Amino acid sequence: MSDFVEQCRQEWRRLGVSDPLADEMAADLASDLREAEAEGVSAEELLGSSFFDPRSFAATWAAERGIVPAPAGRASTRARPLALVAFTTLAAITVFVAALLLATGEPQLSLVKTTRPHFMPAPAGSVPPLGPNRSVVHVVHSVSAAAPVEWIFLFLAILALGFAAWLWTSLGRSRPPTAPA
């Protein structure tokens, strides 16, 4: 039996896989390795990077068969914080943009009143008469058109940032205890 198969068998024993199941898995693995060798495929080509880590290969295979619990992988532990970092960053940027828009008061909306004055002769030295179709524009009031929307935007962004903070605090509490290495 190959050294790789023997190392896998030792790992299954360490994980508590029953001897009959470990024997069956070792026989399957040995058979696969022999078939690959007969076809001119090396064990390294067949197993890829797992060839260099028989313990990890054995644990993953046993977990995939449902014999032992799945080992904690790096991908699953890093995916959640990465998504949480992205969510927190987006919420913080949204709070900043909403506050900036409220502070600047942009965009502005002006209420304008136009009137057509009665025909009056223009005094000397003033603006020349515009003709019978002239009108006078008076700016009555200038307000921020988006203020209500911006306040809602800011409120929702603050809620999202609070939710992200809550997730960050619960992330530390939700991890199961790990045995020292």
Protein backbone atom coordinates (compact mmCIF):
# COMPACT_ATOMS: atom_id res chain seq x y z
CA MET A 1 0.00 0.00 0.00
CA SER A 2 1.34 3.46 -0.88
CA ASP A 3 2.62 5.87 1.72
CA PHE A 4 -0.15 8.35 0.76
CA VAL A 5 -2.90 5.78 1.43
CA GLU A 6 -1.29 4.84 4.74
CA GLN A 7 -1.16 8.49 5.85
CA CYS A 8 -4.84 8.87 4.91
CA ARG A 9 -5.67 5.74 6.92
CA GLN A 10 -3.86 7.20 9.97
CA GLU A 11 -5.82 10.45 9.62
CA TRP A 12 -9.12 8.56 9.40
CA ARG A 13 -8.17 6.65 12.54
CA ARG A 14 -7.35 9.95 14.27
CA LEU A 15 -10.72 11.39 13.18
CA GLY A 16 -12.55 8.38 14.59
CA VAL A 17 -13.62 6.77 11.33
CA SER A 18 -14.56 3.15 11.98
CA ASP A 19 -12.09 0.52 10.75
CA PRO A 20 -14.48 -1.02 8.16
CA LEU A 21 -15.16 2.40 6.62
CA ALA A 22 -11.48 3.36 6.72
CA ASP A 23 -10.59 0.05 5.05
CA GLU A 24 -13.20 0.63 2.34
CA MET A 25 -12.00 4.18 1.68
CA ALA A 26 -8.33 3.09 1.67
CA ALA A 27 -9.16 0.30 -0.80
CA ASP A 28 -11.03 2.76 -3.07
CA LEU A 29 -8.15 5.23 -2.93
CA ALA A 30 -5.52 2.56 -3.59
CA SER A 31 -7.57 1.25 -6.52
CA ASP A 32 -7.93 4.74 -8.00
CA LEU A 33 -4.20 5.35 -7.65
CA ARG A 34 -3.38 2.00 -9.32
CA GLU A 35 -5.78 2.68 -12.21
CA ALA A 36 -4.30 6.14 -12.72
CA GLU A 37 -0.77 4.70 -12.69
CA ALA A 38 -1.80 2.05 -15.25
CA GLU A 39 -3.09 4.83 -17.50
CA GLY A 40 0.16 6.76 -17.14
CA VAL A 41 -1.21 9.38 -14.74
CA SER A 42 0.86 10.06 -11.65
CA ALA A 43 -0.69 10.33 -8.18
CA GLU A 44 0.28 14.00 -8.13
CA GLU A 45 -1.59 14.62 -11.40
CA LEU A 46 -4.62 12.71 -10.12
CA LEU A 47 -4.82 14.36 -6.71
CA GLY A 48 -3.41 17.80 -7.53
CA SER A 49 -2.23 19.78 -4.52
CA SER A 50 -3.91 17.27 -2.19
CA PHE A 51 -1.07 14.87 -2.97
CA PHE A 52 1.16 16.97 -0.72
CA ASP A 53 -1.32 17.07 2.18
CA PRO A 54 -2.75 13.58 2.78
CA ARG A 55 -4.22 14.54 6.17
CA SER A 56 -6.30 17.34 4.66
CA PHE A 57 -7.30 15.09 1.74
CA ALA A 58 -8.44 12.34 4.13
CA ALA A 59 -10.39 14.74 6.36
CA THR A 60 -12.12 16.37 3.40
CA TRP A 61 -13.04 13.03 1.84
CA ALA A 62 -14.43 11.71 5.12
CA ALA A 63 -16.44 14.92 5.57
CA GLU A 64 -17.82 14.71 2.02
CA ARG A 65 -19.01 11.18 2.72
CA GLY A 66 -20.71 12.46 5.89
CA ILE A 67 -18.58 10.31 8.19
CA VAL A 68 -17.02 13.21 10.12
CA PRO A 69 -17.98 16.90 10.45
CA ALA A 70 -16.56 19.17 7.76
CA PRO A 71 -13.24 20.75 8.67
CA ALA A 72 -13.30 24.51 9.14
CA GLY A 73 -12.02 25.94 5.90
CA ARG A 74 -10.45 29.30 5.27
CA ALA A 75 -12.88 30.20 2.50
CA SER A 76 -15.95 29.96 4.73
CA THR A 77 -14.37 31.89 7.58
CA ARG A 78 -13.13 34.69 5.34
CA ALA A 79 -16.23 35.07 3.15
CA ARG A 80 -18.41 36.45 5.92
CA PRO A 81 -16.00 39.13 7.13
CA LEU A 82 -15.22 40.15 3.55
CA ALA A 83 -18.92 40.67 2.81
CA LEU A 84 -19.31 42.46 6.14
CA VAL A 85 -16.39 44.78 5.33
CA ALA A 86 -17.99 45.61 1.97
CA PHE A 87 -21.40 46.24 3.59
CA THR A 88 -19.89 48.41 6.33
CA THR A 89 -17.88 50.43 3.80
CA LEU A 90 -20.94 50.99 1.63
CA ALA A 91 -23.01 52.09 4.63
CA ALA A 92 -20.29 54.51 5.80
CA ILE A 93 -19.92 56.03 2.33
CA THR A 94 -23.70 56.41 2.12
CA VAL A 95 -23.81 58.23 5.48
CA PHE A 96 -21.02 60.55 4.32
CA VAL A 97 -22.68 61.35 0.98
CA ALA A 98 -26.10 61.96 2.54
CA ALA A 99 -24.61 64.25 5.20
CA LEU A 100 -22.60 66.11 2.55
CA LEU A 101 -25.68 66.62 0.39
CA LEU A 102 -27.63 67.93 3.37
CA ALA A 103 -24.79 70.25 4.37
CA THR A 104 -24.40 71.75 0.91
CA GLY A 105 -28.12 71.98 0.28
CA GLU A 106 -27.77 70.80 -3.32
CA PRO A 107 -29.75 70.72 -5.55
CA GLN A 108 -31.52 74.06 -5.11
CA LEU A 109 -35.04 74.77 -6.24
CA SER A 110 -36.12 78.34 -6.83
CA LEU A 111 -39.72 79.40 -6.84
CA VAL A 112 -40.10 82.02 -9.50
CA LYS A 113 -42.90 84.47 -10.08
CA THR A 114 -43.21 86.12 -13.48
CA THR A 115 -45.43 89.05 -14.11
CA ARG A 116 -46.30 91.17 -17.09
CA PRO A 117 -46.30 94.77 -16.07
CA HIS A 118 -48.63 97.26 -17.62
CA PHE A 119 -47.06 99.23 -20.39
CA MET A 120 -45.06 102.02 -18.78
CA PRO A 121 -42.45 104.14 -20.45
CA ALA A 122 -38.96 103.44 -19.20
CA PRO A 123 -37.21 106.27 -17.37
CA ALA A 124 -34.21 107.75 -19.10
CA GLY A 125 -30.90 105.92 -18.44
CA SER A 126 -32.59 102.69 -17.43
CA VAL A 127 -32.94 99.39 -19.23
CA PRO A 128 -34.34 99.94 -22.69
CA PRO A 129 -37.90 98.81 -23.12
CA LEU A 130 -38.29 95.21 -24.14
CA GLY A 131 -41.44 95.60 -26.06
CA PRO A 132 -45.02 94.61 -25.41
CA ASN A 133 -44.14 90.96 -24.59
CA ARG A 134 -41.73 91.77 -21.81
CA SER A 135 -42.02 90.17 -18.37
CA VAL A 136 -40.39 90.64 -14.99
CA VAL A 137 -39.00 87.70 -13.06
CA HIS A 138 -38.96 87.76 -9.26
CA VAL A 139 -37.21 85.02 -7.24
CA VAL A 140 -39.64 84.43 -4.41
CA HIS A 141 -37.95 81.66 -2.46
CA SER A 142 -35.01 79.28 -2.86
CA VAL A 143 -35.07 75.89 -1.09
CA SER A 144 -33.31 72.55 -1.26
CA ALA A 145 -35.43 70.33 -3.48
CA ALA A 146 -34.05 67.06 -2.18
CA ALA A 147 -33.98 67.73 1.57
CA PRO A 148 -36.73 65.24 2.52
CA VAL A 149 -35.17 62.53 0.36
CA GLU A 150 -31.71 63.27 1.76
CA TRP A 151 -32.97 63.00 5.35
CA ILE A 152 -34.54 59.63 4.59
CA PHE A 153 -31.33 58.56 2.82
CA LEU A 154 -29.26 59.62 5.85
CA PHE A 155 -31.59 57.85 8.29
CA LEU A 156 -31.47 54.58 6.33
CA ALA A 157 -27.69 54.81 5.98
CA ILE A 158 -27.29 55.31 9.75
CA LEU A 159 -29.53 52.28 10.34
CA ALA A 160 -27.38 50.23 7.95
CA LEU A 161 -24.22 51.36 9.73
CA GLY A 162 -25.75 50.43 13.08
CA PHE A 163 -26.71 47.02 11.72
CA ALA A 164 -23.14 46.55 10.46
CA ALA A 165 -21.79 47.45 13.90
CA TRP A 166 -24.13 44.91 15.47
CA LEU A 167 -22.96 42.25 13.00
CA TRP A 168 -19.32 43.03 13.82
CA THR A 169 -19.96 42.59 17.55
CA SER A 170 -21.94 39.38 17.04
CA LEU A 171 -19.26 37.98 14.71
CA GLY A 172 -16.80 37.67 17.58
CA ARG A 173 -19.37 35.98 19.82
CA SER A 174 -20.71 33.50 17.25
CA ARG A 175 -17.48 31.64 16.57
CA PRO A 176 -17.18 28.27 18.26
CA PRO A 177 -14.26 27.81 20.60
CA THR A 178 -11.22 26.30 18.93
CA ALA A 179 -8.68 23.97 20.41
CA PRO A 180 -5.17 25.37 20.76
CA ALA A 181 -2.84 24.31 17.97
